[in-house]
Amino acid sequence: MGSIRDLNILKWFNILYIEDDVDLLTHTKDVLEDFVHNIYTATNSKEALQILQTHKVDAIISDILLEHENGIEFLTFLKNEKNICIPTILTTAHTDTQYLLDAIKLKVESYIVKPINIKELLNTLHDILLPIIQQKEIKKTNNIIKMISVVTDNKQVDVIKHIINNLDENECFTASYSEIMDIINISKPTLIKLFKELLEKEILVKINYKTYKFNEIALLGVAV
């Protein structure tokens, strides 16, 4: 029996789905869009490349045999010619050994044999994207430790944890002093002093009213 997976993590990711069977493409897209942040679709490599060049894509699902082209060859092109390496799931109606060998050579993360089982597809997406979440958590923890080394007051540490834990996908934090004080019992002068210090050290960069961008680069020289 497999372990229970938290499919909520898929909400953080954008998926590109390449399939020349329009009915299958539409049906699978309709299901996946309830689970992922964005689902982009393409029926051929030309459309897929345009999407990759204009959108952030975290994982690719691609049929091996597209109309007049080969999904593995397209992925090889992306890797070798465009230096695009994105976690990929191949779908195939064929269990031909050569296809599987080609996929292994390309270090494709996984493959699914058609007809597509949606539960299997979602679980496989979870498995190939979970390491990205784990790396982000490690990075987040390291950043918290580094920021804690900058200040020592416990309330300030709580604010820093709040900032880190509420960064959006663009590494931005949005809240007013009052909103922060509603959550954390800290005086306004202390809070203002903390933000002033973080801004002076360029750890936070003010974008506009209530919005600050976290600048990880400013922490590179901080010893832990």
N, C-alpha and C. Protein backbone atom coordinates (compact mmCIF):
# COMPACT_ATOMS: atom_id res chain seq x y z
N MET A 1 0.85 -1.19 0.00
CA MET A 1 0.00 0.00 0.00
C MET A 1 0.89 1.25 0.00
N GLY A 2 0.62 2.21 -0.90
CA GLY A 2 1.45 3.40 -0.97
C GLY A 2 1.13 4.36 0.15
N SER A 3 2.07 5.29 0.42
CA SER A 3 1.86 6.27 1.48
C SER A 3 0.88 7.33 1.00
N ILE A 4 0.23 8.00 1.97
CA ILE A 4 -0.73 9.05 1.64
C ILE A 4 0.05 10.31 1.26
N ARG A 5 -0.29 10.87 0.13
CA ARG A 5 0.41 12.05 -0.37
C ARG A 5 -0.44 13.30 -0.17
N ASP A 6 0.22 14.41 0.17
CA ASP A 6 -0.47 15.68 0.32
C ASP A 6 -0.49 16.37 -1.04
N LEU A 7 -1.58 16.19 -1.76
CA LEU A 7 -1.67 16.75 -3.11
C LEU A 7 -1.84 18.27 -3.11
N ASN A 8 -2.03 18.85 -1.92
CA ASN A 8 -2.15 20.31 -1.84
C ASN A 8 -0.87 21.01 -2.30
N ILE A 9 0.26 20.31 -2.23
CA ILE A 9 1.52 20.94 -2.65
C ILE A 9 1.49 21.28 -4.14
N LEU A 10 0.64 20.56 -4.90
CA LEU A 10 0.58 20.81 -6.35
C LEU A 10 0.06 22.21 -6.66
N LYS A 11 -0.63 22.83 -5.70
CA LYS A 11 -1.18 24.17 -5.90
C LYS A 11 -0.10 25.23 -6.13
N TRP A 12 1.15 24.87 -5.78
CA TRP A 12 2.25 25.81 -5.92
C TRP A 12 2.90 25.75 -7.30
N PHE A 13 2.49 24.81 -8.15
CA PHE A 13 3.26 24.54 -9.36
C PHE A 13 2.47 24.75 -10.66
N ASN A 14 3.25 25.14 -11.70
CA ASN A 14 2.71 25.28 -13.06
C ASN A 14 3.12 24.06 -13.89
N ILE A 15 2.16 23.50 -14.60
CA ILE A 15 2.40 22.27 -15.35
C ILE A 15 2.17 22.52 -16.84
N LEU A 16 3.07 21.98 -17.67
CA LEU A 16 2.88 21.98 -19.12
C LEU A 16 2.53 20.56 -19.55
N TYR A 17 1.39 20.43 -20.22
CA TYR A 17 0.92 19.11 -20.67
C TYR A 17 0.93 19.07 -22.19
N ILE A 18 1.71 18.16 -22.77
CA ILE A 18 1.84 18.04 -24.22
C ILE A 18 1.18 16.74 -24.68
N GLU A 19 0.15 16.87 -25.50
CA GLU A 19 -0.61 15.68 -25.94
C GLU A 19 -1.32 16.03 -27.25
N ASP A 20 -1.15 15.18 -28.27
CA ASP A 20 -1.77 15.49 -29.56
C ASP A 20 -3.20 14.98 -29.67
N ASP A 21 -3.64 14.16 -28.75
CA ASP A 21 -5.03 13.72 -28.70
C ASP A 21 -5.83 14.81 -27.97
N VAL A 22 -6.56 15.62 -28.75
CA VAL A 22 -7.21 16.80 -28.17
C VAL A 22 -8.24 16.42 -27.11
N ASP A 23 -8.98 15.34 -27.34
CA ASP A 23 -9.99 14.94 -26.34
C ASP A 23 -9.32 14.56 -25.03
N LEU A 24 -8.23 13.79 -25.10
CA LEU A 24 -7.51 13.40 -23.89
C LEU A 24 -6.87 14.62 -23.23
N LEU A 25 -6.33 15.50 -24.08
CA LEU A 25 -5.70 16.73 -23.57
C LEU A 25 -6.71 17.56 -22.77
N THR A 26 -7.90 17.75 -23.35
CA THR A 26 -8.92 18.56 -22.70
C THR A 26 -9.42 17.92 -21.41
N HIS A 27 -9.68 16.63 -21.47
CA HIS A 27 -10.19 15.93 -20.29
C HIS A 27 -9.19 15.97 -19.14
N THR A 28 -7.93 15.66 -19.44
CA THR A 28 -6.91 15.63 -18.39
C THR A 28 -6.66 17.03 -17.84
N LYS A 29 -6.65 18.03 -18.74
CA LYS A 29 -6.49 19.43 -18.30
C LYS A 29 -7.60 19.82 -17.33
N ASP A 30 -8.85 19.47 -17.68
CA ASP A 30 -9.99 19.83 -16.83
C ASP A 30 -9.83 19.25 -15.42
N VAL A 31 -9.26 18.07 -15.33
CA VAL A 31 -9.06 17.45 -14.01
C VAL A 31 -7.89 18.11 -13.29
N LEU A 32 -6.77 18.28 -13.99
CA LEU A 32 -5.55 18.79 -13.35
C LEU A 32 -5.69 20.22 -12.86
N GLU A 33 -6.50 21.04 -13.56
CA GLU A 33 -6.57 22.44 -13.19
C GLU A 33 -7.20 22.64 -11.81
N ASP A 34 -7.85 21.62 -11.28
CA ASP A 34 -8.37 21.70 -9.91
C ASP A 34 -7.29 21.45 -8.88
N PHE A 35 -6.14 20.96 -9.31
CA PHE A 35 -5.09 20.57 -8.37
C PHE A 35 -3.84 21.43 -8.44
N VAL A 36 -3.55 22.02 -9.62
CA VAL A 36 -2.28 22.73 -9.80
C VAL A 36 -2.53 24.23 -9.90
N HIS A 37 -1.44 25.00 -9.84
CA HIS A 37 -1.57 26.46 -9.92
C HIS A 37 -2.00 26.88 -11.32
N ASN A 38 -1.26 26.43 -12.32
CA ASN A 38 -1.62 26.68 -13.72
C ASN A 38 -1.33 25.43 -14.53
N ILE A 39 -2.21 25.16 -15.48
CA ILE A 39 -1.97 24.05 -16.41
C ILE A 39 -1.95 24.62 -17.82
N TYR A 40 -0.80 24.52 -18.48
CA TYR A 40 -0.67 24.97 -19.86
C TYR A 40 -0.71 23.74 -20.76
N THR A 41 -1.35 23.88 -21.92
CA THR A 41 -1.47 22.73 -22.81
C THR A 41 -0.89 23.04 -24.19
N ALA A 42 -0.38 21.99 -24.82
CA ALA A 42 0.18 22.10 -26.17
C ALA A 42 -0.06 20.79 -26.90
N THR A 43 -0.31 20.89 -28.20
CA THR A 43 -0.53 19.67 -28.98
C THR A 43 0.71 19.28 -29.77
N ASN A 44 1.73 20.14 -29.75
CA ASN A 44 2.96 19.80 -30.46
C ASN A 44 4.14 20.54 -29.82
N SER A 45 5.34 20.22 -30.26
CA SER A 45 6.54 20.77 -29.64
C SER A 45 6.68 22.27 -29.88
N LYS A 46 6.19 22.76 -31.03
CA LYS A 46 6.29 24.19 -31.32
C LYS A 46 5.50 25.00 -30.29
N GLU A 47 4.25 24.56 -30.04
CA GLU A 47 3.43 25.25 -29.04
C GLU A 47 4.06 25.13 -27.65
N ALA A 48 4.59 23.94 -27.36
CA ALA A 48 5.19 23.72 -26.05
C ALA A 48 6.39 24.64 -25.83
N LEU A 49 7.22 24.80 -26.86
CA LEU A 49 8.40 25.65 -26.73
C LEU A 49 8.00 27.10 -26.51
N GLN A 50 6.95 27.55 -27.20
CA GLN A 50 6.47 28.92 -27.00
C GLN A 50 6.03 29.14 -25.55
N ILE A 51 5.37 28.16 -24.99
CA ILE A 51 4.92 28.27 -23.60
C ILE A 51 6.13 28.31 -22.66
N LEU A 52 7.10 27.44 -22.90
CA LEU A 52 8.28 27.39 -22.05
C LEU A 52 9.08 28.69 -22.09
N GLN A 53 9.01 29.37 -23.24
CA GLN A 53 9.77 30.62 -23.39
C GLN A 53 9.03 31.84 -22.83
N THR A 54 7.75 31.66 -22.49
CA THR A 54 6.96 32.80 -22.02
C THR A 54 6.34 32.59 -20.64
N HIS A 55 6.42 31.39 -20.11
CA HIS A 55 5.80 31.11 -18.81
C HIS A 55 6.75 30.30 -17.93
N LYS A 56 6.58 30.45 -16.63
CA LYS A 56 7.33 29.62 -15.67
C LYS A 56 6.65 28.24 -15.61
N VAL A 57 7.38 27.22 -15.94
CA VAL A 57 6.86 25.85 -15.91
C VAL A 57 7.69 25.02 -14.93
N ASP A 58 7.01 24.33 -14.03
CA ASP A 58 7.72 23.56 -13.00
C ASP A 58 7.81 22.08 -13.34
N ALA A 59 6.90 21.58 -14.15
CA ALA A 59 6.93 20.16 -14.53
C ALA A 59 6.25 19.99 -15.89
N ILE A 60 6.73 18.99 -16.64
CA ILE A 60 6.18 18.70 -17.96
C ILE A 60 5.57 17.29 -17.94
N ILE A 61 4.38 17.19 -18.52
CA ILE A 61 3.79 15.88 -18.82
C ILE A 61 3.74 15.80 -20.34
N SER A 62 4.38 14.80 -20.92
CA SER A 62 4.43 14.74 -22.38
C SER A 62 4.18 13.33 -22.89
N ASP A 63 3.35 13.25 -23.92
CA ASP A 63 3.17 11.99 -24.61
C ASP A 63 4.46 11.67 -25.37
N ILE A 64 4.83 10.41 -25.44
CA ILE A 64 6.04 10.05 -26.18
C ILE A 64 5.82 10.22 -27.68
N LEU A 65 4.70 9.70 -28.17
CA LEU A 65 4.45 9.78 -29.61
C LEU A 65 3.44 10.87 -29.91
N LEU A 66 3.95 12.03 -30.33
CA LEU A 66 3.09 13.11 -30.79
C LEU A 66 2.92 12.96 -32.30
N GLU A 67 2.01 13.73 -32.89
CA GLU A 67 1.78 13.62 -34.33
C GLU A 67 3.04 14.07 -35.09
N HIS A 68 3.60 13.18 -35.85
CA HIS A 68 4.78 13.45 -36.68
C HIS A 68 6.03 13.80 -35.87
N GLU A 69 6.05 13.57 -34.57
CA GLU A 69 7.24 13.86 -33.78
C GLU A 69 7.29 12.99 -32.54
N ASN A 70 8.44 13.06 -31.88
CA ASN A 70 8.69 12.17 -30.75
C ASN A 70 8.94 13.02 -29.51
N GLY A 71 8.17 12.76 -28.47
CA GLY A 71 8.28 13.54 -27.24
C GLY A 71 9.65 13.45 -26.60
N ILE A 72 10.28 12.29 -26.69
CA ILE A 72 11.62 12.11 -26.10
C ILE A 72 12.64 12.97 -26.85
N GLU A 73 12.51 13.02 -28.18
CA GLU A 73 13.43 13.85 -28.97
C GLU A 73 13.25 15.33 -28.61
N PHE A 74 12.00 15.74 -28.38
CA PHE A 74 11.75 17.14 -28.00
C PHE A 74 12.38 17.45 -26.65
N LEU A 75 12.23 16.55 -25.70
CA LEU A 75 12.83 16.76 -24.37
C LEU A 75 14.36 16.77 -24.46
N THR A 76 14.90 15.94 -25.33
CA THR A 76 16.35 15.94 -25.54
C THR A 76 16.80 17.28 -26.12
N PHE A 77 16.03 17.80 -27.07
CA PHE A 77 16.30 19.12 -27.65
C PHE A 77 16.29 20.20 -26.57
N LEU A 78 15.27 20.15 -25.72
CA LEU A 78 15.18 21.15 -24.64
C LEU A 78 16.42 21.10 -23.76
N LYS A 79 16.82 19.90 -23.41
CA LYS A 79 17.95 19.73 -22.49
C LYS A 79 19.28 20.12 -23.14
N ASN A 80 19.49 19.65 -24.36
CA ASN A 80 20.80 19.83 -24.99
C ASN A 80 20.95 21.15 -25.72
N GLU A 81 19.85 21.63 -26.34
CA GLU A 81 19.95 22.83 -27.17
C GLU A 81 19.48 24.09 -26.44
N LYS A 82 18.53 23.94 -25.53
CA LYS A 82 17.97 25.10 -24.83
C LYS A 82 18.37 25.15 -23.36
N ASN A 83 19.07 24.14 -22.92
CA ASN A 83 19.49 24.06 -21.50
C ASN A 83 18.29 24.20 -20.57
N ILE A 84 17.19 23.58 -20.96
CA ILE A 84 15.97 23.57 -20.14
C ILE A 84 15.81 22.17 -19.54
N CYS A 85 15.97 22.08 -18.24
CA CYS A 85 15.85 20.79 -17.55
C CYS A 85 14.73 20.91 -16.52
N ILE A 86 13.59 20.35 -16.84
CA ILE A 86 12.40 20.45 -15.99
C ILE A 86 11.93 19.03 -15.68
N PRO A 87 11.57 18.75 -14.42
CA PRO A 87 11.04 17.41 -14.10
C PRO A 87 9.93 17.01 -15.06
N THR A 88 10.01 15.78 -15.57
CA THR A 88 9.10 15.36 -16.64
C THR A 88 8.49 13.98 -16.37
N ILE A 89 7.22 13.87 -16.74
CA ILE A 89 6.53 12.58 -16.74
C ILE A 89 6.17 12.29 -18.19
N LEU A 90 6.58 11.13 -18.70
CA LEU A 90 6.20 10.72 -20.05
C LEU A 90 4.97 9.84 -19.98
N THR A 91 4.07 10.04 -20.93
CA THR A 91 2.92 9.14 -21.04
C THR A 91 3.07 8.37 -22.34
N THR A 92 2.67 7.12 -22.33
CA THR A 92 2.85 6.30 -23.52
C THR A 92 1.82 5.18 -23.58
N ALA A 93 1.41 4.88 -24.81
CA ALA A 93 0.54 3.73 -25.01
C ALA A 93 1.39 2.51 -25.32
N HIS A 94 2.68 2.73 -25.33
CA HIS A 94 3.60 1.65 -25.73
C HIS A 94 4.52 1.26 -24.57
N THR A 95 4.78 0.00 -24.47
CA THR A 95 5.73 -0.46 -23.46
C THR A 95 7.00 -0.94 -24.15
N ASP A 96 7.21 -0.44 -25.36
CA ASP A 96 8.40 -0.81 -26.13
C ASP A 96 9.66 -0.51 -25.32
N THR A 97 10.54 -1.49 -25.23
CA THR A 97 11.74 -1.36 -24.42
C THR A 97 12.60 -0.18 -24.87
N GLN A 98 12.64 0.06 -26.19
CA GLN A 98 13.51 1.13 -26.68
C GLN A 98 13.07 2.49 -26.17
N TYR A 99 11.73 2.71 -26.11
CA TYR A 99 11.23 3.99 -25.58
C TYR A 99 11.66 4.16 -24.13
N LEU A 100 11.51 3.07 -23.37
CA LEU A 100 11.85 3.16 -21.95
C LEU A 100 13.35 3.38 -21.77
N LEU A 101 14.16 2.74 -22.59
CA LEU A 101 15.61 2.95 -22.52
C LEU A 101 15.97 4.39 -22.85
N ASP A 102 15.31 4.92 -23.89
CA ASP A 102 15.57 6.32 -24.26
C ASP A 102 15.19 7.26 -23.12
N ALA A 103 14.06 6.96 -22.45
CA ALA A 103 13.62 7.79 -21.33
C ALA A 103 14.61 7.72 -20.18
N ILE A 104 15.13 6.52 -19.92
CA ILE A 104 16.11 6.36 -18.84
C ILE A 104 17.38 7.14 -19.17
N LYS A 105 17.83 7.06 -20.43
CA LYS A 105 19.03 7.79 -20.84
C LYS A 105 18.85 9.29 -20.63
N LEU A 106 17.62 9.76 -20.87
CA LEU A 106 17.33 11.19 -20.74
C LEU A 106 17.12 11.57 -19.28
N LYS A 107 17.12 10.56 -18.41
CA LYS A 107 16.90 10.77 -16.96
C LYS A 107 15.53 11.40 -16.69
N VAL A 108 14.53 10.95 -17.47
CA VAL A 108 13.16 11.39 -17.21
C VAL A 108 12.72 10.85 -15.86
N GLU A 109 12.05 11.70 -15.09
CA GLU A 109 11.71 11.36 -13.71
C GLU A 109 10.76 10.18 -13.61
N SER A 110 9.77 10.08 -14.54
CA SER A 110 8.82 8.99 -14.43
C SER A 110 8.06 8.83 -15.74
N TYR A 111 7.32 7.73 -15.87
CA TYR A 111 6.47 7.56 -17.03
C TYR A 111 5.21 6.82 -16.61
N ILE A 112 4.14 7.05 -17.38
CA ILE A 112 2.85 6.43 -17.10
C ILE A 112 2.34 5.80 -18.38
N VAL A 113 1.83 4.57 -18.25
CA VAL A 113 1.29 3.88 -19.41
C VAL A 113 -0.19 4.22 -19.54
N LYS A 114 -0.57 4.59 -20.77
CA LYS A 114 -1.98 4.91 -21.05
C LYS A 114 -2.83 3.63 -21.01
N PRO A 115 -4.12 3.73 -20.74
CA PRO A 115 -4.87 4.97 -20.46
C PRO A 115 -4.46 5.57 -19.13
N ILE A 116 -4.46 6.91 -19.11
CA ILE A 116 -3.97 7.61 -17.92
C ILE A 116 -4.92 7.41 -16.74
N ASN A 117 -4.33 6.94 -15.64
CA ASN A 117 -5.06 6.86 -14.38
C ASN A 117 -4.78 8.18 -13.63
N ILE A 118 -5.83 8.99 -13.45
CA ILE A 118 -5.63 10.32 -12.88
C ILE A 118 -4.97 10.26 -11.50
N LYS A 119 -5.39 9.30 -10.68
CA LYS A 119 -4.80 9.20 -9.35
C LYS A 119 -3.30 8.91 -9.45
N GLU A 120 -2.95 8.01 -10.37
CA GLU A 120 -1.53 7.69 -10.56
C GLU A 120 -0.77 8.92 -11.06
N LEU A 121 -1.39 9.68 -11.98
CA LEU A 121 -0.74 10.89 -12.51
C LEU A 121 -0.52 11.92 -11.40
N LEU A 122 -1.54 12.15 -10.57
CA LEU A 122 -1.42 13.13 -9.49
C LEU A 122 -0.35 12.69 -8.48
N ASN A 123 -0.35 11.41 -8.14
CA ASN A 123 0.65 10.91 -7.19
C ASN A 123 2.06 11.04 -7.77
N THR A 124 2.19 10.79 -9.07
CA THR A 124 3.50 10.90 -9.71
C THR A 124 3.96 12.35 -9.76
N LEU A 125 3.02 13.26 -10.07
CA LEU A 125 3.37 14.69 -10.03
C LEU A 125 3.85 15.07 -8.64
N HIS A 126 3.13 14.61 -7.63
CA HIS A 126 3.53 14.89 -6.24
C HIS A 126 4.96 14.41 -5.99
N ASP A 127 5.26 13.21 -6.42
CA ASP A 127 6.56 12.60 -6.11
C ASP A 127 7.71 13.34 -6.80
N ILE A 128 7.49 13.85 -8.03
CA ILE A 128 8.60 14.52 -8.72
C ILE A 128 8.73 15.98 -8.28
N LEU A 129 7.65 16.54 -7.69
CA LEU A 129 7.70 17.94 -7.26
C LEU A 129 8.02 18.09 -5.77
N LEU A 130 7.81 17.04 -4.99
CA LEU A 130 8.08 17.12 -3.55
C LEU A 130 9.52 17.55 -3.25
N PRO A 131 10.55 17.03 -3.95
CA PRO A 131 11.92 17.48 -3.65
C PRO A 131 12.10 18.99 -3.79
N ILE A 132 11.34 19.62 -4.70
CA ILE A 132 11.44 21.08 -4.85
C ILE A 132 10.90 21.76 -3.60
N ILE A 133 9.78 21.27 -3.08
CA ILE A 133 9.21 21.80 -1.84
C ILE A 133 10.20 21.62 -0.70
N GLN A 134 10.81 20.44 -0.63
CA GLN A 134 11.74 20.16 0.47
C GLN A 134 12.97 21.07 0.40
N GLN A 135 13.45 21.32 -0.81
CA GLN A 135 14.59 22.23 -0.96
C GLN A 135 14.22 23.64 -0.53
N LYS A 136 12.99 24.05 -0.85
CA LYS A 136 12.53 25.39 -0.45
C LYS A 136 12.43 25.48 1.06
N GLU A 137 11.98 24.39 1.72
CA GLU A 137 11.86 24.41 3.17
C GLU A 137 13.24 24.51 3.83
N ILE A 138 14.21 23.77 3.27
CA ILE A 138 15.58 23.84 3.80
C ILE A 138 16.12 25.25 3.64
N LYS A 139 15.88 25.82 2.46
CA LYS A 139 16.34 27.18 2.18
C LYS A 139 15.67 28.17 3.13
N LYS A 140 14.36 27.97 3.36
CA LYS A 140 13.62 28.86 4.25
C LYS A 140 14.19 28.79 5.67
N THR A 141 14.46 27.57 6.13
CA THR A 141 15.01 27.40 7.47
C THR A 141 16.37 28.08 7.60
N ASN A 142 17.21 27.89 6.60
CA ASN A 142 18.52 28.52 6.62
C ASN A 142 18.41 30.04 6.66
N ASN A 143 17.44 30.56 5.91
CA ASN A 143 17.25 32.01 5.89
C ASN A 143 16.76 32.52 7.23
N ILE A 144 15.89 31.74 7.89
CA ILE A 144 15.42 32.13 9.23
C ILE A 144 16.60 32.19 10.19
N ILE A 145 17.46 31.17 10.13
CA ILE A 145 18.62 31.13 11.03
C ILE A 145 19.52 32.34 10.77
N LYS A 146 19.73 32.64 9.50
CA LYS A 146 20.59 33.78 9.17
C LYS A 146 19.99 35.09 9.66
N MET A 147 18.67 35.23 9.47
CA MET A 147 18.03 36.46 9.89
C MET A 147 18.03 36.56 11.42
N ILE A 148 17.87 35.44 12.11
CA ILE A 148 17.90 35.46 13.57
C ILE A 148 19.26 35.93 14.07
N SER A 149 20.30 35.58 13.32
CA SER A 149 21.64 35.99 13.74
C SER A 149 21.81 37.50 13.64
N VAL A 150 20.93 38.15 12.87
CA VAL A 150 21.03 39.60 12.72
C VAL A 150 20.41 40.30 13.92
N VAL A 151 19.36 39.73 14.47
CA VAL A 151 18.68 40.34 15.62
C VAL A 151 18.60 39.32 16.74
N THR A 152 18.30 39.77 17.96
CA THR A 152 18.28 38.85 19.09
C THR A 152 16.97 38.87 19.87
N ASP A 153 16.19 39.92 19.73
CA ASP A 153 14.95 40.03 20.49
C ASP A 153 13.94 38.96 20.04
N ASN A 154 13.33 38.25 21.02
CA ASN A 154 12.43 37.15 20.70
C ASN A 154 11.23 37.60 19.86
N LYS A 155 10.67 38.75 20.17
CA LYS A 155 9.53 39.25 19.40
C LYS A 155 9.94 39.55 17.97
N GLN A 156 11.14 40.07 17.84
CA GLN A 156 11.64 40.34 16.48
C GLN A 156 11.82 39.03 15.71
N VAL A 157 12.27 38.00 16.41
CA VAL A 157 12.42 36.70 15.77
C VAL A 157 11.06 36.19 15.30
N ASP A 158 10.03 36.38 16.12
CA ASP A 158 8.68 35.96 15.71
C ASP A 158 8.23 36.70 14.46
N VAL A 159 8.57 37.97 14.37
CA VAL A 159 8.21 38.75 13.18
C VAL A 159 8.94 38.22 11.96
N ILE A 160 10.22 37.92 12.15
CA ILE A 160 11.01 37.40 11.02
C ILE A 160 10.45 36.06 10.53
N LYS A 161 10.09 35.20 11.46
CA LYS A 161 9.48 33.92 11.06
C LYS A 161 8.18 34.18 10.31
N HIS A 162 7.41 35.15 10.79
CA HIS A 162 6.15 35.49 10.13
C HIS A 162 6.39 35.99 8.70
N ILE A 163 7.42 36.80 8.55
CA ILE A 163 7.75 37.31 7.21
C ILE A 163 8.13 36.15 6.28
N ILE A 164 9.04 35.32 6.75
CA ILE A 164 9.52 34.21 5.91
C ILE A 164 8.38 33.26 5.54
N ASN A 165 7.53 32.97 6.51
CA ASN A 165 6.46 32.00 6.27
C ASN A 165 5.32 32.55 5.42
N ASN A 166 5.33 33.85 5.18
CA ASN A 166 4.25 34.45 4.40
C ASN A 166 4.76 35.11 3.12
N LEU A 167 5.93 34.74 2.67
CA LEU A 167 6.41 35.23 1.38
C LEU A 167 5.58 34.59 0.28
N ASP A 168 5.22 35.37 -0.74
CA ASP A 168 4.48 34.79 -1.85
C ASP A 168 5.45 34.18 -2.85
N GLU A 169 4.94 33.74 -3.98
CA GLU A 169 5.79 33.05 -4.96
C GLU A 169 6.85 33.97 -5.56
N ASN A 170 6.66 35.29 -5.40
CA ASN A 170 7.65 36.25 -5.89
C ASN A 170 8.58 36.74 -4.78
N GLU A 171 8.55 35.99 -3.62
CA GLU A 171 9.40 36.33 -2.48
C GLU A 171 9.06 37.70 -1.91
N CYS A 172 7.77 38.08 -1.98
CA CYS A 172 7.31 39.35 -1.43
C CYS A 172 6.43 39.13 -0.20
N PHE A 173 6.54 40.05 0.75
CA PHE A 173 5.73 40.02 1.96
C PHE A 173 4.87 41.27 2.00
N THR A 174 3.58 41.10 2.28
CA THR A 174 2.68 42.25 2.31
C THR A 174 1.90 42.28 3.61
N ALA A 175 2.09 43.32 4.37
CA ALA A 175 1.32 43.53 5.61
C ALA A 175 1.69 44.89 6.18
N SER A 176 0.73 45.50 6.88
CA SER A 176 1.00 46.76 7.56
C SER A 176 1.53 46.46 8.96
N TYR A 177 2.07 47.48 9.63
CA TYR A 177 2.52 47.29 11.01
C TYR A 177 1.35 46.82 11.88
N SER A 178 0.18 47.44 11.69
CA SER A 178 -0.99 47.07 12.49
C SER A 178 -1.38 45.62 12.28
N GLU A 179 -1.32 45.17 11.04
CA GLU A 179 -1.69 43.77 10.75
C GLU A 179 -0.70 42.81 11.40
N ILE A 180 0.56 43.18 11.42
CA ILE A 180 1.56 42.33 12.08
C ILE A 180 1.33 42.32 13.58
N MET A 181 1.02 43.50 14.14
CA MET A 181 0.83 43.58 15.59
C MET A 181 -0.44 42.87 16.04
N ASP A 182 -1.41 42.67 15.12
CA ASP A 182 -2.61 41.90 15.45
C ASP A 182 -2.26 40.42 15.65
N ILE A 183 -1.15 40.00 15.04
CA ILE A 183 -0.76 38.58 15.10
C ILE A 183 0.34 38.36 16.14
N ILE A 184 1.24 39.31 16.23
CA ILE A 184 2.40 39.17 17.12
C ILE A 184 2.39 40.30 18.15
N ASN A 185 2.55 39.95 19.40
CA ASN A 185 2.52 40.94 20.49
C ASN A 185 3.86 41.67 20.55
N ILE A 186 3.96 42.69 19.74
CA ILE A 186 5.20 43.47 19.67
C ILE A 186 4.83 44.95 19.62
N SER A 187 5.61 45.78 20.27
CA SER A 187 5.31 47.22 20.27
C SER A 187 5.62 47.81 18.90
N LYS A 188 4.89 48.89 18.56
CA LYS A 188 5.11 49.50 17.26
C LYS A 188 6.52 50.07 17.12
N PRO A 189 7.05 50.74 18.17
CA PRO A 189 8.42 51.25 18.03
C PRO A 189 9.43 50.13 17.75
N THR A 190 9.26 48.99 18.43
CA THR A 190 10.18 47.86 18.21
C THR A 190 10.03 47.31 16.80
N LEU A 191 8.76 47.23 16.34
CA LEU A 191 8.51 46.73 14.98
C LEU A 191 9.10 47.66 13.93
N ILE A 192 8.90 48.94 14.13
CA ILE A 192 9.45 49.93 13.18
C ILE A 192 10.97 49.84 13.16
N LYS A 193 11.56 49.67 14.35
CA LYS A 193 13.01 49.57 14.45
C LYS A 193 13.52 48.34 13.69
N LEU A 194 12.78 47.21 13.84
CA LEU A 194 13.18 45.98 13.13
C LEU A 194 13.13 46.17 11.63
N PHE A 195 12.03 46.73 11.12
CA PHE A 195 11.91 46.92 9.68
C PHE A 195 12.96 47.90 9.17
N LYS A 196 13.24 48.93 9.97
CA LYS A 196 14.26 49.89 9.57
C LYS A 196 15.61 49.20 9.42
N GLU A 197 15.90 48.29 10.38
CA GLU A 197 17.17 47.58 10.33
C GLU A 197 17.24 46.63 9.14
N LEU A 198 16.14 45.92 8.89
CA LEU A 198 16.11 44.99 7.75
C LEU A 198 16.21 45.74 6.42
N LEU A 199 15.61 46.94 6.38
CA LEU A 199 15.69 47.75 5.16
C LEU A 199 17.10 48.32 4.98
N GLU A 200 17.70 48.75 6.08
CA GLU A 200 19.05 49.30 5.99
C GLU A 200 20.05 48.23 5.54
N LYS A 201 19.83 47.00 6.00
CA LYS A 201 20.73 45.91 5.62
C LYS A 201 20.33 45.31 4.28
N GLU A 202 19.27 45.87 3.66
CA GLU A 202 18.75 45.47 2.34
C GLU A 202 18.30 44.02 2.33
N ILE A 203 17.94 43.50 3.52
CA ILE A 203 17.35 42.16 3.57
C ILE A 203 15.91 42.23 3.07
N LEU A 204 15.26 43.34 3.37
CA LEU A 204 13.95 43.63 2.78
C LEU A 204 14.09 44.89 1.92
N VAL A 205 13.42 44.86 0.79
CA VAL A 205 13.40 46.03 -0.10
C VAL A 205 11.94 46.45 -0.27
N LYS A 206 11.64 47.69 0.09
CA LYS A 206 10.25 48.14 0.01
C LYS A 206 9.84 48.33 -1.44
N ILE A 207 8.75 47.67 -1.83
CA ILE A 207 8.25 47.75 -3.20
C ILE A 207 7.20 48.84 -3.31
N ASN A 208 6.25 48.81 -2.38
CA ASN A 208 5.24 49.86 -2.29
C ASN A 208 4.64 49.77 -0.90
N TYR A 209 3.58 50.52 -0.65
CA TYR A 209 2.95 50.53 0.67
C TYR A 209 2.60 49.11 1.12
N LYS A 210 3.13 48.68 2.24
CA LYS A 210 2.88 47.38 2.87
C LYS A 210 3.58 46.21 2.18
N THR A 211 4.24 46.42 1.09
CA THR A 211 4.84 45.29 0.36
C THR A 211 6.36 45.40 0.34
N TYR A 212 7.02 44.31 0.74
CA TYR A 212 8.48 44.26 0.80
C TYR A 212 8.96 43.01 0.06
N LYS A 213 10.03 43.14 -0.68
CA LYS A 213 10.61 41.99 -1.35
C LYS A 213 11.79 41.47 -0.54
N PHE A 214 11.77 40.19 -0.28
CA PHE A 214 12.87 39.56 0.45
C PHE A 214 14.08 39.44 -0.46
N ASN A 215 15.23 39.93 0.01
CA ASN A 215 16.45 39.94 -0.78
C ASN A 215 17.44 38.93 -0.19
N GLU A 216 17.38 37.71 -0.65
CA GLU A 216 18.21 36.64 -0.10
C GLU A 216 19.69 36.93 -0.26
N ILE A 217 20.03 37.64 -1.33
CA ILE A 217 21.44 37.94 -1.62
C ILE A 217 22.09 38.69 -0.45
N ALA A 218 21.28 39.52 0.23
CA ALA A 218 21.82 40.31 1.35
C ALA A 218 22.26 39.42 2.50
N LEU A 219 21.80 38.15 2.52
CA LEU A 219 22.15 37.25 3.62
C LEU A 219 23.38 36.39 3.32
N LEU A 220 23.86 36.49 2.09
CA LEU A 220 24.96 35.60 1.70
C LEU A 220 26.19 35.78 2.57
N GLY A 221 26.42 36.99 3.03
CA GLY A 221 27.62 37.24 3.83
C GLY A 221 27.40 37.06 5.32
N VAL A 222 26.17 36.64 5.72
CA VAL A 222 25.87 36.49 7.14
C VAL A 222 26.32 35.12 7.62
N ALA A 223 27.18 35.07 8.62
CA ALA A 223 27.66 33.79 9.14
C ALA A 223 26.62 33.17 10.04
N VAL A 224 26.52 31.81 10.05
CA VAL A 224 25.59 31.11 10.92
C VAL A 224 26.36 30.10 11.77
